[in-house]
């Protein structure tokens, strides 16, 4: 993964990002020598979001299969959550 510096963005703007992303799906932006941000093509972002959603769905299915869920009303759920947080 290539790095872009804060200065690259100031002087070259979006063109600096386009150049780096032409060869790879993402790049790190460094500010004062420290890695601070990641930029990526929107297609890569959508792919990552889809992977997150699929992982959450798989985790939910595992919870249901293992019986790690509660049945009840919304009011009962809120009460349970408040008691757990206290």
C-alpha atoms as a PDB file:
ATOM      1  CA  UNK A   1       0.000   0.000   0.000  1.00  0.00           C
ATOM      2  CA  UNK A   2       1.469   3.339  -1.014  1.00  0.00           C
ATOM      3  CA  UNK A   3       1.569   6.401   1.160  1.00  0.00           C
ATOM      4  CA  UNK A   4       0.375   9.844   0.254  1.00  0.00           C
ATOM      5  CA  UNK A   5       1.517  12.759   2.323  1.00  0.00           C
ATOM      6  CA  UNK A   6      -0.497  15.707   3.485  1.00  0.00           C
ATOM      7  CA  UNK A   7       1.720  17.838   1.263  1.00  0.00           C
ATOM      8  CA  UNK A   8       0.968  15.654  -1.789  1.00  0.00           C
ATOM      9  CA  UNK A   9      -2.715  16.385  -1.292  1.00  0.00           C
ATOM     10  CA  UNK A  10      -2.133  20.088  -0.771  1.00  0.00           C
ATOM     11  CA  UNK A  11      -0.049  20.477  -3.912  1.00  0.00           C
ATOM     12  CA  UNK A  12      -1.571  17.911  -6.275  1.00  0.00           C
ATOM     13  CA  UNK A  13      -5.091  17.471  -4.917  1.00  0.00           C
ATOM     14  CA  UNK A  14      -7.275  14.619  -6.124  1.00  0.00           C
ATOM     15  CA  UNK A  15      -4.800  13.895  -8.930  1.00  0.00           C
ATOM     16  CA  UNK A  16      -2.369  12.507  -6.323  1.00  0.00           C
ATOM     17  CA  UNK A  17      -5.017  10.081  -5.113  1.00  0.00           C
ATOM     18  CA  UNK A  18      -5.961   9.047  -8.642  1.00  0.00           C
ATOM     19  CA  UNK A  19      -2.329   8.244  -9.488  1.00  0.00           C
ATOM     20  CA  UNK A  20      -1.841   6.038  -6.432  1.00  0.00           C
ATOM     21  CA  UNK A  21      -5.188   4.271  -6.821  1.00  0.00           C
ATOM     22  CA  UNK A  22      -4.508   3.483 -10.471  1.00  0.00           C
ATOM     23  CA  UNK A  23      -2.269   0.591  -9.345  1.00  0.00           C
ATOM     24  CA  UNK A  24      -3.836  -0.488  -6.067  1.00  0.00           C
ATOM     25  CA  UNK A  25      -7.181  -0.542  -4.266  1.00  0.00           C
ATOM     26  CA  UNK A  26      -6.212   1.721  -1.341  1.00  0.00           C
ATOM     27  CA  UNK A  27      -3.581   4.157  -0.070  1.00  0.00           C
ATOM     28  CA  UNK A  28      -2.581   5.589   3.305  1.00  0.00           C
ATOM     29  CA  UNK A  29      -2.462   9.337   3.879  1.00  0.00           C
ATOM     30  CA  UNK A  30       0.245  10.439   6.289  1.00  0.00           C
ATOM     31  CA  UNK A  31       0.031  13.648   8.273  1.00  0.00           C
ATOM     32  CA  UNK A  32       3.259  14.902   9.837  1.00  0.00           C
ATOM     33  CA  UNK A  33       4.854  11.521   9.245  1.00  0.00           C
ATOM     34  CA  UNK A  34       2.087   9.515  10.922  1.00  0.00           C
ATOM     35  CA  UNK A  35      -0.427   7.310   9.131  1.00  0.00           C
ATOM     36  CA  UNK A  36      -3.831   8.920   9.647  1.00  0.00           C
ATOM     37  CA  UNK A  37      -6.286   8.041   6.864  1.00  0.00           C
ATOM     38  CA  UNK A  38      -6.982   5.495   4.151  1.00  0.00           C
ATOM     39  CA  UNK A  39      -8.475   6.355   0.774  1.00  0.00           C
ATOM     40  CA  UNK A  40      -9.863   3.838  -1.668  1.00  0.00           C
ATOM     41  CA  UNK A  41     -11.927   3.529  -4.784  1.00  0.00           C
ATOM     42  CA  UNK A  42     -15.649   3.455  -4.101  1.00  0.00           C
ATOM     43  CA  UNK A  43     -15.900  -0.081  -5.513  1.00  0.00           C
ATOM     44  CA  UNK A  44     -13.370  -1.265  -2.909  1.00  0.00           C
ATOM     45  CA  UNK A  45     -15.342   0.504  -0.160  1.00  0.00           C
ATOM     46  CA  UNK A  46     -18.586  -1.162  -1.261  1.00  0.00           C
ATOM     47  CA  UNK A  47     -16.838  -4.538  -1.337  1.00  0.00           C
ATOM     48  CA  UNK A  48     -15.553  -4.079   2.223  1.00  0.00           C
ATOM     49  CA  UNK A  49     -18.989  -3.000   3.455  1.00  0.00           C
ATOM     50  CA  UNK A  50     -20.554  -6.060   1.825  1.00  0.00           C
ATOM     51  CA  UNK A  51     -17.981  -8.280   3.558  1.00  0.00           C
ATOM     52  CA  UNK A  52     -18.803  -6.653   6.910  1.00  0.00           C
ATOM     53  CA  UNK A  53     -22.509  -7.225   6.378  1.00  0.00           C
ATOM     54  CA  UNK A  54     -21.971 -10.852   5.378  1.00  0.00           C
ATOM     55  CA  UNK A  55     -19.829 -11.404   8.492  1.00  0.00           C
ATOM     56  CA  UNK A  56     -22.537  -9.840  10.693  1.00  0.00           C
ATOM     57  CA  UNK A  57     -25.178 -12.055   9.090  1.00  0.00           C
ATOM     58  CA  UNK A  58     -23.063 -15.181   9.641  1.00  0.00           C
ATOM     59  CA  UNK A  59     -22.509 -14.187  13.283  1.00  0.00           C
ATOM     60  CA  UNK A  60     -26.241 -13.645  13.759  1.00  0.00           C
ATOM     61  CA  UNK A  61     -27.048 -17.034  12.227  1.00  0.00           C
ATOM     62  CA  UNK A  62     -24.496 -18.657  14.561  1.00  0.00           C
ATOM     63  CA  UNK A  63     -26.090 -16.908  17.558  1.00  0.00           C
ATOM     64  CA  UNK A  64     -29.542 -18.152  16.562  1.00  0.00           C
ATOM     65  CA  UNK A  65     -28.278 -21.691  16.033  1.00  0.00           C
ATOM     66  CA  UNK A  66     -26.539 -21.631  19.427  1.00  0.00           C
ATOM     67  CA  UNK A  67     -29.608 -20.188  21.153  1.00  0.00           C
ATOM     68  CA  UNK A  68     -27.912 -16.892  22.046  1.00  0.00           C
ATOM     69  CA  UNK A  69     -30.982 -14.711  21.660  1.00  0.00           C
ATOM     70  CA  UNK A  70     -33.979 -13.509  23.646  1.00  0.00           C
ATOM     71  CA  UNK A  71     -37.633 -13.450  22.710  1.00  0.00           C
ATOM     72  CA  UNK A  72     -39.896 -10.742  24.057  1.00  0.00           C
ATOM     73  CA  UNK A  73     -41.246  -7.279  23.629  1.00  0.00           C
ATOM     74  CA  UNK A  74     -39.312  -4.124  22.872  1.00  0.00           C
ATOM     75  CA  UNK A  75     -40.190  -2.836  26.337  1.00  0.00           C
ATOM     76  CA  UNK A  76     -38.743  -5.956  27.974  1.00  0.00           C
ATOM     77  CA  UNK A  77     -35.606  -5.613  25.851  1.00  0.00           C
ATOM     78  CA  UNK A  78     -35.078  -1.978  26.858  1.00  0.00           C
ATOM     79  CA  UNK A  79     -35.531  -2.912  30.506  1.00  0.00           C
ATOM     80  CA  UNK A  80     -33.002  -5.769  30.146  1.00  0.00           C
ATOM     81  CA  UNK A  81     -30.484  -3.479  28.459  1.00  0.00           C
ATOM     82  CA  UNK A  82     -30.865  -0.797  31.138  1.00  0.00           C
ATOM     83  CA  UNK A  83     -30.357  -3.387  33.884  1.00  0.00           C
ATOM     84  CA  UNK A  84     -27.249  -4.724  32.137  1.00  0.00           C
ATOM     85  CA  UNK A  85     -25.755  -1.233  31.729  1.00  0.00           C
ATOM     86  CA  UNK A  86     -26.277  -0.327  35.390  1.00  0.00           C
END
